[in-house]
C-alpha atoms as a PDB file:
ATOM      1  CA  MET A   1      -5.907 -22.488  33.462  1.00  0.00           C
ATOM      2  CA  LYS A   2      -7.873 -22.930  36.679  1.00  0.00           C
ATOM      3  CA  THR A   3      -5.876 -20.235  38.437  1.00  0.00           C
ATOM      4  CA  LYS A   4      -6.608 -17.865  35.561  1.00  0.00           C
ATOM      5  CA  LYS A   5     -10.316 -18.634  35.866  1.00  0.00           C
ATOM      6  CA  LYS A   6     -10.294 -18.040  39.610  1.00  0.00           C
ATOM      7  CA  SER A   7      -8.369 -14.793  39.358  1.00  0.00           C
ATOM      8  CA  LEU A   8     -10.641 -13.570  36.577  1.00  0.00           C
ATOM      9  CA  ALA A   9     -13.723 -14.501  38.621  1.00  0.00           C
ATOM     10  CA  THR A  10     -12.437 -12.662  41.693  1.00  0.00           C
ATOM     11  CA  GLU A  11     -11.609  -9.572  39.616  1.00  0.00           C
ATOM     12  CA  ILE A  12     -15.081  -9.561  38.073  1.00  0.00           C
ATOM     13  CA  ALA A  13     -16.765 -10.076  41.449  1.00  0.00           C
ATOM     14  CA  SER A  14     -14.699  -7.365  43.170  1.00  0.00           C
ATOM     15  CA  SER A  15     -15.391  -4.825  40.433  1.00  0.00           C
ATOM     16  CA  ILE A  16     -19.131  -5.518  40.551  1.00  0.00           C
ATOM     17  CA  GLU A  17     -19.175  -5.354  44.356  1.00  0.00           C
ATOM     18  CA  ALA A  18     -17.273  -2.059  44.268  1.00  0.00           C
ATOM     19  CA  LYS A  19     -19.856  -0.524  41.941  1.00  0.00           C
ATOM     20  CA  LEU A  20     -22.748  -1.819  44.041  1.00  0.00           C
ATOM     21  CA  SER A  21     -21.164  -0.673  47.312  1.00  0.00           C
ATOM     22  CA  GLU A  22     -21.379   2.909  46.034  1.00  0.00           C
ATOM     23  CA  VAL A  23     -25.155   2.594  45.943  1.00  0.00           C
ATOM     24  CA  SER A  24     -25.823   0.638  49.154  1.00  0.00           C
ATOM     25  CA  LYS A  25     -24.636  -2.244  51.360  1.00  0.00           C
ATOM     26  CA  GLN A  26     -24.974  -5.755  50.009  1.00  0.00           C
ATOM     27  CA  SER A  27     -26.453  -8.738  51.744  1.00  0.00           C
ATOM     28  CA  LYS A  28     -24.758 -12.151  51.883  1.00  0.00           C
ATOM     29  CA  LYS A  29     -27.166 -13.515  49.272  1.00  0.00           C
ATOM     30  CA  VAL A  30     -26.251 -10.777  46.830  1.00  0.00           C
ATOM     31  CA  LYS A  31     -22.524 -11.385  47.351  1.00  0.00           C
ATOM     32  CA  LYS A  32     -23.003 -15.126  46.753  1.00  0.00           C
ATOM     33  CA  ALA A  33     -25.005 -14.466  43.590  1.00  0.00           C
ATOM     34  CA  ILE A  34     -22.306 -12.093  42.313  1.00  0.00           C
ATOM     35  CA  GLU A  35     -19.551 -14.640  42.973  1.00  0.00           C
ATOM     36  CA  LYS A  36     -21.540 -17.416  41.307  1.00  0.00           C
ATOM     37  CA  SER A  37     -22.269 -15.370  38.201  1.00  0.00           C
ATOM     38  CA  ALA A  38     -18.647 -14.172  38.089  1.00  0.00           C
ATOM     39  CA  ASP A  39     -17.498 -17.817  38.124  1.00  0.00           C
ATOM     40  CA  LYS A  40     -19.830 -18.643  35.239  1.00  0.00           C
ATOM     41  CA  LEU A  41     -18.690 -15.609  33.272  1.00  0.00           C
ATOM     42  CA  ALA A  42     -15.018 -16.424  33.868  1.00  0.00           C
ATOM     43  CA  ASP A  43     -15.654 -19.991  32.671  1.00  0.00           C
ATOM     44  CA  ARG A  44     -17.279 -18.777  29.466  1.00  0.00           C
ATOM     45  CA  ILE A  45     -14.520 -16.266  28.809  1.00  0.00           C
ATOM     46  CA  SER A  46     -11.813 -18.893  29.328  1.00  0.00           C
ATOM     47  CA  LYS A  47     -13.603 -21.202  26.872  1.00  0.00           C
ATOM     48  CA  LEU A  48     -13.660 -18.424  24.284  1.00  0.00           C
ATOM     49  CA  PHE A  49      -9.955 -17.778  24.750  1.00  0.00           C
ATOM     50  CA  LYS A  50      -9.231 -21.485  24.410  1.00  0.00           C
ATOM     51  CA  LYS A  51     -11.241 -21.656  21.168  1.00  0.00           C
ATOM     52  CA  GLU A  52      -9.350 -18.688  19.746  1.00  0.00           C
ATOM     53  CA  GLU A  53      -5.991 -20.251  20.639  1.00  0.00           C
ATOM     54  CA  ASP A  54      -7.006 -23.537  19.010  1.00  0.00           C
ATOM     55  CA  LYS A  55      -8.144 -21.680  15.901  1.00  0.00           C
ATOM     56  CA  LYS A  56      -4.817 -19.848  15.664  1.00  0.00           C
ATOM     57  CA  LYS A  57      -2.921 -23.120  16.058  1.00  0.00           C
ATOM     58  CA  LYS A  58      -4.955 -24.721  13.265  1.00  0.00           C
ATOM     59  CA  GLN A  59      -4.351 -21.764  10.957  1.00  0.00           C
ATOM     60  CA  ALA A  60      -0.628 -21.879  11.665  1.00  0.00           C
ATOM     61  CA  ALA A  61      -0.578 -25.607  10.943  1.00  0.00           C
ATOM     62  CA  LYS A  62      -2.445 -25.062   7.666  1.00  0.00           C
ATOM     63  CA  ALA A  63      -0.039 -22.324   6.602  1.00  0.00           C
ATOM     64  CA  LYS A  64       2.929 -24.545   7.396  1.00  0.00           C
ATOM     65  CA  LYS A  65       1.392 -27.440   5.487  1.00  0.00           C
ATOM     66  CA  LYS A  66       0.755 -25.246   2.428  1.00  0.00           C
ATOM     67  CA  ALA A  67       4.311 -23.960   2.497  1.00  0.00           C
ATOM     68  CA  ASP A  68       5.659 -27.513   2.716  1.00  0.00           C
ATOM     69  CA  GLU A  69       3.473 -28.646  -0.197  1.00  0.00           C
ATOM     70  CA  LYS A  70       4.574 -25.682  -2.282  1.00  0.00           C
ATOM     71  CA  SER A  71       8.237 -26.369  -1.646  1.00  0.00           C
ATOM     72  CA  LYS A  72       7.704 -30.040  -2.504  1.00  0.00           C
ATOM     73  CA  LYS A  73       6.004 -29.076  -5.789  1.00  0.00           C
ATOM     74  CA  THR A  74       8.818 -26.760  -6.801  1.00  0.00           C
ATOM     75  CA  ALA A  75      11.401 -29.417  -5.930  1.00  0.00           C
ATOM     76  CA  LYS A  76       9.459 -31.954  -7.968  1.00  0.00           C
ATOM     77  CA  LYS A  77       9.288 -29.593 -10.966  1.00  0.00           C
ATOM     78  CA  THR A  78      13.005 -28.889 -10.884  1.00  0.00           C
ATOM     79  CA  LYS A  79      13.726 -32.604 -10.573  1.00  0.00           C
ATOM     80  CA  LYS A  80      11.526 -33.318 -13.618  1.00  0.00           C
ATOM     81  CA  SER A  81      13.267 -30.640 -15.651  1.00  0.00           C
ATOM     82  CA  THR A  82      16.688 -32.026 -14.745  1.00  0.00           C
ATOM     83  CA  VAL A  83      15.613 -35.553 -15.688  1.00  0.00           C
ATOM     84  CA  LYS A  84      14.265 -34.346 -19.037  1.00  0.00           C
ATOM     85  CA  ALA A  85      17.431 -32.400 -19.740  1.00  0.00           C
ATOM     86  CA  GLU A  86      19.570 -35.411 -18.932  1.00  0.00           C
ATOM     87  CA  GLN A  87      17.467 -37.584 -21.226  1.00  0.00           C
ATOM     88  CA  ASN A  88      17.861 -35.089 -24.039  1.00  0.00           C
ATOM     89  CA  GLY A  89      21.563 -34.748 -23.354  1.00  0.00           C
ATOM     90  CA  GLN A  90      21.340 -31.059 -22.617  1.00  0.00           C
ATOM     91  CA  ALA A  91      22.764 -29.592 -19.437  1.00  0.00           C
ATOM     92  CA  ALA A  92      22.485 -25.908 -20.399  1.00  0.00           C
ATOM     93  CA  PRO A  93      18.669 -25.550 -20.104  1.00  0.00           C
ATOM     94  CA  ILE A  94      18.818 -26.560 -16.459  1.00  0.00           C
ATOM     95  CA  ALA A  95      21.026 -23.627 -15.589  1.00  0.00           C
ATOM     96  CA  SER A  96      18.870 -21.249 -17.601  1.00  0.00           C
ATOM     97  CA  THR A  97      15.640 -22.388 -15.928  1.00  0.00           C
ATOM     98  CA  ALA A  98      17.206 -22.027 -12.495  1.00  0.00           C
ATOM     99  CA  THR A  99      18.365 -18.498 -13.283  1.00  0.00           C
ATOM    100  CA  GLU A 100      14.977 -17.620 -14.788  1.00  0.00           C
ATOM    101  CA  THR A 101      13.123 -18.759 -11.685  1.00  0.00           C
ATOM    102  CA  GLN A 102      15.485 -16.819  -9.433  1.00  0.00           C
ATOM    103  CA  ALA A 103      15.253 -13.757 -11.641  1.00  0.00           C
ATOM    104  CA  SER A 104      11.481 -13.889 -11.706  1.00  0.00           C
ATOM    105  CA  LYS A 105      11.412 -14.085  -7.922  1.00  0.00           C
ATOM    106  CA  VAL A 106      13.766 -11.128  -7.490  1.00  0.00           C
ATOM    107  CA  SER A 107      11.940  -8.179  -9.109  1.00  0.00           C
ATOM    108  CA  PRO A 108      11.973  -7.647 -12.862  1.00  0.00           C
ATOM    109  CA  ALA A 109       8.171  -7.687 -12.870  1.00  0.00           C
ATOM    110  CA  PRO A 110       7.752  -4.481 -10.801  1.00  0.00           C
ATOM    111  CA  LYS A 111      10.199  -2.619 -13.050  1.00  0.00           C
ATOM    112  CA  ALA A 112       8.281  -3.347 -16.246  1.00  0.00           C
ATOM    113  CA  PRO A 113       4.896  -1.994 -15.072  1.00  0.00           C
ATOM    114  CA  ALA A 114       6.593   1.139 -13.771  1.00  0.00           C
ATOM    115  CA  LYS A 115       7.925   1.881 -17.261  1.00  0.00           C
ATOM    116  CA  ALA A 116       4.575   1.066 -18.824  1.00  0.00           C
ATOM    117  CA  LYS A 117       2.802   3.463 -16.489  1.00  0.00           C
ATOM    118  CA  THR A 118       5.082   6.363 -17.332  1.00  0.00           C
ATOM    119  CA  ALA A 119       4.851   5.883 -21.090  1.00  0.00           C
ATOM    120  CA  PRO A 120       1.030   6.122 -21.391  1.00  0.00           C
ATOM    121  CA  ALA A 121       1.014   9.188 -19.165  1.00  0.00           C
ATOM    122  CA  THR A 122       3.251  11.055 -21.582  1.00  0.00           C
ATOM    123  CA  LYS A 123       1.218   9.949 -24.595  1.00  0.00           C
ATOM    124  CA  SER A 124      -2.149  10.855 -23.081  1.00  0.00           C
ATOM    125  CA  THR A 125      -1.280  14.465 -22.268  1.00  0.00           C
ATOM    126  CA  PRO A 126      -0.398  15.545 -25.845  1.00  0.00           C
ATOM    127  CA  THR A 127      -3.519  13.841 -27.182  1.00  0.00           C
ATOM    128  CA  ARG A 128      -5.703  15.844 -24.863  1.00  0.00           C
ATOM    129  CA  SER A 129      -4.057  19.123 -25.714  1.00  0.00           C
ATOM    130  CA  ARG A 130      -4.450  18.513 -29.449  1.00  0.00           C
ATOM    131  CA  SER A 131      -8.106  17.632 -29.168  1.00  0.00           C
ATOM    132  CA  ARG A 132      -8.798  20.755 -27.130  1.00  0.00           C
ATOM    133  CA  THR A 133      -6.989  23.175 -29.400  1.00  0.00           C
ATOM    134  CA  THR A 134      -8.269  22.027 -32.770  1.00  0.00           C
ATOM    135  CA  PRO A 135     -11.223  19.684 -32.979  1.00  0.00           C
ATOM    136  CA  ALA A 136     -11.058  19.840 -36.802  1.00  0.00           C
ATOM    137  CA  THR A 137      -7.640  18.149 -36.838  1.00  0.00           C
ATOM    138  CA  THR A 138      -9.110  15.043 -35.250  1.00  0.00           C
ATOM    139  CA  SER A 139     -11.634  14.695 -38.064  1.00  0.00           C
ATOM    140  CA  ALA A 140      -9.020  15.282 -40.791  1.00  0.00           C
ATOM    141  CA  PRO A 141      -6.805  12.312 -39.785  1.00  0.00           C
ATOM    142  CA  GLU A 142      -9.905  10.127 -39.715  1.00  0.00           C
ATOM    143  CA  SER A 143     -10.615  10.915 -43.337  1.00  0.00           C
ATOM    144  CA  THR A 144      -7.041  10.163 -44.343  1.00  0.00           C
ATOM    145  CA  THR A 145      -7.123   6.805 -42.563  1.00  0.00           C
ATOM    146  CA  SER A 146     -10.353   5.859 -44.321  1.00  0.00           C
ATOM    147  CA  GLU A 147      -8.862   6.783 -47.726  1.00  0.00           C
ATOM    148  CA  SER A 148      -5.807   4.632 -47.197  1.00  0.00           C
END
């Protein structure tokens, strides 16, 4: 860490000195001030990097902890269901719940909305065309529905 700070400070100081050397020569006091401020800046930057690394480590630890808790909860639920099934003398529901949970994780949910999206699209287009062609037909079915 200290070597990184020193190398960063020297890079900052050399780049500043290079820019200033284009304008004019620098005195010893100016060079000292540049090096001192470069050291301070390098220290601050290294602290910021350290904070970011610590933050990332904490977030990773939290994510791992949540995943562990979730797996424990699911294991606990399956254990409860097996105990209940054993108490009731039924072994078949255990297999069905295990297959249902695996099936729900796989992907039947995305297939169902895809079908639902295509069906309303086909229904909505004929409705629009009917209402545009004959507005009187829309009022006629309303009267028949009110009579029934």
